[in-house]
Each structure stands twice: as structure tokens, then as C-alpha cells.
N, C-alpha and C. Protein backbone atom coordinates (compact mmCIF):
# COMPACT_ATOMS: atom_id res chain seq x y z
N MET A 1 7.19 -36.40 -8.73
CA MET A 1 6.87 -35.24 -8.16
C MET A 1 7.69 -34.28 -9.38
N GLU A 2 6.23 -33.10 -9.39
CA GLU A 2 6.52 -32.30 -10.37
C GLU A 2 7.56 -31.18 -10.02
N GLN A 3 8.59 -30.60 -10.92
CA GLN A 3 9.36 -29.75 -10.78
C GLN A 3 8.80 -28.12 -11.11
N ALA A 4 9.05 -27.14 -10.13
CA ALA A 4 8.50 -26.05 -10.57
C ALA A 4 9.38 -25.34 -11.64
N VAL A 5 8.93 -24.56 -12.36
CA VAL A 5 9.42 -23.61 -13.23
C VAL A 5 9.60 -22.19 -12.99
N VAL A 6 10.96 -21.80 -12.54
CA VAL A 6 10.98 -20.38 -12.18
C VAL A 6 11.60 -19.48 -13.19
N THR A 7 11.04 -18.59 -13.42
CA THR A 7 11.18 -17.48 -14.60
C THR A 7 12.84 -16.77 -13.89
N ARG A 8 13.06 -16.00 -14.92
CA ARG A 8 14.37 -15.19 -15.09
C ARG A 8 13.53 -14.06 -14.05
N SER A 9 12.54 -13.62 -14.56
CA SER A 9 11.97 -12.41 -13.80
C SER A 9 11.80 -12.85 -12.11
N ALA A 10 11.36 -13.71 -12.25
CA ALA A 10 10.80 -14.21 -10.72
C ALA A 10 11.94 -14.22 -9.84
N ARG A 11 13.24 -14.64 -10.44
CA ARG A 11 14.47 -14.61 -9.95
C ARG A 11 15.15 -13.60 -9.47
N ARG A 12 14.86 -12.49 -10.70
CA ARG A 12 15.16 -11.28 -10.02
C ARG A 12 14.51 -10.54 -9.22
N ARG A 13 12.98 -10.63 -9.08
CA ARG A 13 12.39 -10.23 -8.09
C ARG A 13 12.63 -10.55 -6.82
N ALA A 14 12.68 -11.80 -6.75
CA ALA A 14 13.01 -12.55 -5.28
C ALA A 14 14.31 -11.83 -4.96
N ARG A 15 15.29 -11.84 -5.86
CA ARG A 15 16.71 -11.23 -5.39
C ARG A 15 16.82 -9.95 -4.73
N ALA A 16 15.49 -9.00 -5.24
CA ALA A 16 16.04 -7.44 -5.04
C ALA A 16 14.93 -7.66 -3.82
N ALA A 17 14.04 -8.45 -3.43
CA ALA A 17 13.10 -8.11 -2.30
C ALA A 17 13.84 -8.97 -1.39
N ILE A 18 14.90 -9.71 -1.10
CA ILE A 18 15.84 -10.06 -0.32
C ILE A 18 16.79 -9.10 0.17
N PHE A 19 17.09 -8.52 -1.26
CA PHE A 19 18.45 -7.18 -0.90
C PHE A 19 17.56 -6.02 -0.29
N ALA A 20 16.23 -5.80 -0.40
CA ALA A 20 15.88 -4.88 0.30
C ALA A 20 15.59 -5.40 1.76
N LEU A 21 15.54 -6.40 2.06
CA LEU A 21 14.87 -7.10 3.32
C LEU A 21 16.07 -6.98 4.25
N PHE A 22 17.36 -7.16 3.99
CA PHE A 22 18.66 -6.92 4.35
C PHE A 22 19.04 -5.71 4.58
N PHE A 23 18.95 -4.91 3.41
CA PHE A 23 19.29 -3.37 3.53
C PHE A 23 18.26 -2.66 4.62
N THR A 24 17.04 -2.97 4.93
CA THR A 24 16.45 -2.10 5.46
C THR A 24 16.68 -2.59 7.10
N ASN A 25 16.89 -3.92 7.27
CA ASN A 25 17.42 -4.49 8.70
C ASN A 25 18.63 -3.93 8.98
N GLY A 26 19.64 -3.82 8.18
CA GLY A 26 20.89 -3.28 8.36
C GLY A 26 20.62 -1.82 8.63
N ALA A 27 20.17 -1.22 8.01
CA ALA A 27 19.73 0.33 8.27
C ALA A 27 18.96 0.64 9.64
N LEU A 28 18.47 -0.38 10.28
CA LEU A 28 17.65 0.19 11.20
C LEU A 28 18.34 -0.44 12.66
N LEU A 29 19.18 -1.35 12.20
CA LEU A 29 19.83 -1.72 13.28
C LEU A 29 21.29 -0.66 13.26
N GLY A 30 21.55 -0.51 12.29
CA GLY A 30 22.67 0.65 12.58
C GLY A 30 22.61 1.82 13.15
N SER A 31 21.14 2.38 12.58
CA SER A 31 20.84 3.36 13.41
C SER A 31 20.48 3.23 15.03
N LEU A 32 20.01 2.10 15.37
CA LEU A 32 19.79 1.67 16.70
C LEU A 32 20.74 1.50 17.54
N VAL A 33 21.82 1.13 17.06
CA VAL A 33 23.22 0.79 17.76
C VAL A 33 23.62 2.05 18.27
N LEU A 34 23.43 3.17 17.33
CA LEU A 34 24.14 4.41 17.80
C LEU A 34 23.31 4.74 19.10
N ARG A 35 22.00 4.68 19.50
CA ARG A 35 21.09 5.33 20.33
C ARG A 35 21.53 4.26 21.60
N PHE A 36 22.23 3.23 21.83
CA PHE A 36 22.22 2.17 22.96
C PHE A 36 22.83 2.76 24.03
N PRO A 37 23.62 3.76 24.14
CA PRO A 37 23.99 4.58 25.42
C PRO A 37 22.75 5.01 25.83
N GLU A 38 22.14 6.04 25.04
CA GLU A 38 20.81 6.98 25.67
C GLU A 38 19.76 5.85 25.90
N ILE A 39 19.51 4.53 25.26
CA ILE A 39 18.58 3.72 25.81
C ILE A 39 19.09 3.29 27.02
N LYS A 40 20.35 2.90 27.23
CA LYS A 40 20.92 2.28 28.40
C LYS A 40 20.36 3.35 29.63
N ASP A 41 20.83 4.49 29.61
CA ASP A 41 20.64 5.48 30.46
C ASP A 41 18.98 5.89 30.51
N ALA A 42 18.11 5.74 29.70
CA ALA A 42 16.68 5.95 29.99
C ALA A 42 16.14 4.99 30.84
N PHE A 43 16.39 3.76 30.58
CA PHE A 43 15.99 2.79 31.49
C PHE A 43 17.03 2.71 32.67
N GLY A 44 17.93 3.25 33.19
CA GLY A 44 18.64 3.02 34.60
C GLY A 44 19.49 1.82 34.33
N LEU A 45 19.88 0.99 33.17
CA LEU A 45 20.20 -0.37 33.38
C LEU A 45 21.80 -0.39 33.36
N SER A 46 21.97 -1.30 34.21
CA SER A 46 23.89 -1.54 34.43
C SER A 46 24.28 -1.94 33.06
N SER A 47 25.43 -2.16 32.88
CA SER A 47 26.06 -2.58 31.82
C SER A 47 25.69 -3.77 31.18
N SER A 48 25.82 -4.84 32.39
CA SER A 48 25.77 -6.26 32.24
C SER A 48 24.09 -6.61 32.16
N ALA A 49 23.42 -5.97 32.64
CA ALA A 49 21.98 -6.06 32.27
C ALA A 49 21.51 -5.72 31.14
N TYR A 50 22.33 -4.59 30.68
CA TYR A 50 21.71 -4.23 29.19
C TYR A 50 22.18 -5.28 28.20
N GLY A 51 23.35 -5.40 28.19
CA GLY A 51 24.12 -6.69 27.39
C GLY A 51 23.18 -7.79 27.38
N ALA A 52 22.76 -8.28 28.42
CA ALA A 52 22.12 -9.48 28.63
C ALA A 52 20.73 -9.21 27.91
N THR A 53 20.14 -8.09 27.92
CA THR A 53 18.77 -7.65 27.22
C THR A 53 19.09 -8.25 25.92
N ILE A 54 20.13 -7.33 25.34
CA ILE A 54 20.25 -7.06 23.99
C ILE A 54 20.83 -8.54 23.56
N ALA A 55 21.40 -9.52 24.25
CA ALA A 55 21.60 -10.85 23.73
C ALA A 55 20.37 -11.69 23.92
N LEU A 56 19.32 -11.15 24.91
CA LEU A 56 18.16 -12.12 24.81
C LEU A 56 17.02 -11.84 23.73
N SER A 57 17.12 -10.77 23.10
CA SER A 57 16.34 -10.26 22.11
C SER A 57 16.63 -11.02 21.06
N SER A 58 17.42 -11.54 20.63
CA SER A 58 17.60 -12.45 19.55
C SER A 58 17.04 -14.00 19.89
N LEU A 59 17.20 -14.27 20.93
CA LEU A 59 16.38 -15.35 21.55
C LEU A 59 14.86 -15.25 21.31
N GLY A 60 14.54 -14.46 21.89
CA GLY A 60 13.10 -13.87 21.54
C GLY A 60 12.43 -14.05 20.22
N GLY A 61 13.38 -13.31 19.17
CA GLY A 61 13.08 -13.78 17.71
C GLY A 61 13.01 -14.76 17.17
N ILE A 62 13.98 -15.82 17.71
CA ILE A 62 13.99 -17.17 17.42
C ILE A 62 12.82 -17.93 17.60
N LEU A 63 12.24 -17.84 19.15
CA LEU A 63 11.27 -18.46 19.60
C LEU A 63 10.00 -17.67 18.83
N ALA A 64 9.89 -16.71 18.67
CA ALA A 64 8.33 -16.09 18.10
C ALA A 64 8.54 -16.40 16.86
N GLY A 65 9.47 -16.84 15.91
CA GLY A 65 9.28 -17.10 14.49
C GLY A 65 8.54 -18.15 13.83
N PRO A 66 8.14 -19.25 14.57
CA PRO A 66 7.46 -20.15 14.08
C PRO A 66 5.95 -19.55 14.19
N PHE A 67 5.56 -18.81 14.75
CA PHE A 67 4.33 -18.29 15.32
C PHE A 67 4.05 -17.16 14.01
N ALA A 68 5.09 -16.95 13.53
CA ALA A 68 4.79 -15.92 12.57
C ALA A 68 4.40 -16.40 11.25
N ALA A 69 4.58 -17.34 11.18
CA ALA A 69 4.24 -18.18 9.94
C ALA A 69 2.63 -18.64 9.92
């Protein structure tokens, strides 16, 4: 099996892309967390129902992941 050669600039671009991805996700989630009480009130959810919704959203992402590729 042939081994691929990865240049230094390709590694640098990949590292920058991964940093940008995690930074963007963190910024978006951080801004959303501040609005959790407002979102909960807008939909009229109890604390337990809203907690379950937030917890299950991760499961939805995991289940949808294989279909995105």
C-alpha cells in the first residue's frame, strides 16, 4: 500500500480549518446558551421538557451524521 505524503502547508491549512470549525461552533453555542431561558419561555416548555429537548438534540446530530457524508 502506498503512503501519502502530506506537505507542511497542507497540515497548516488543515489545522487552521479545524481551528475555525471549533471556534465557530463554540461561538454559536455560546451565544445560544445565553438565550436558553428566552427560548424555553417562547415555547412554553417546562424545565424537564426543555432539558430533554436539549439532551436529545445531540442524539439527533449523531444519528444524522452518517447521512451527511
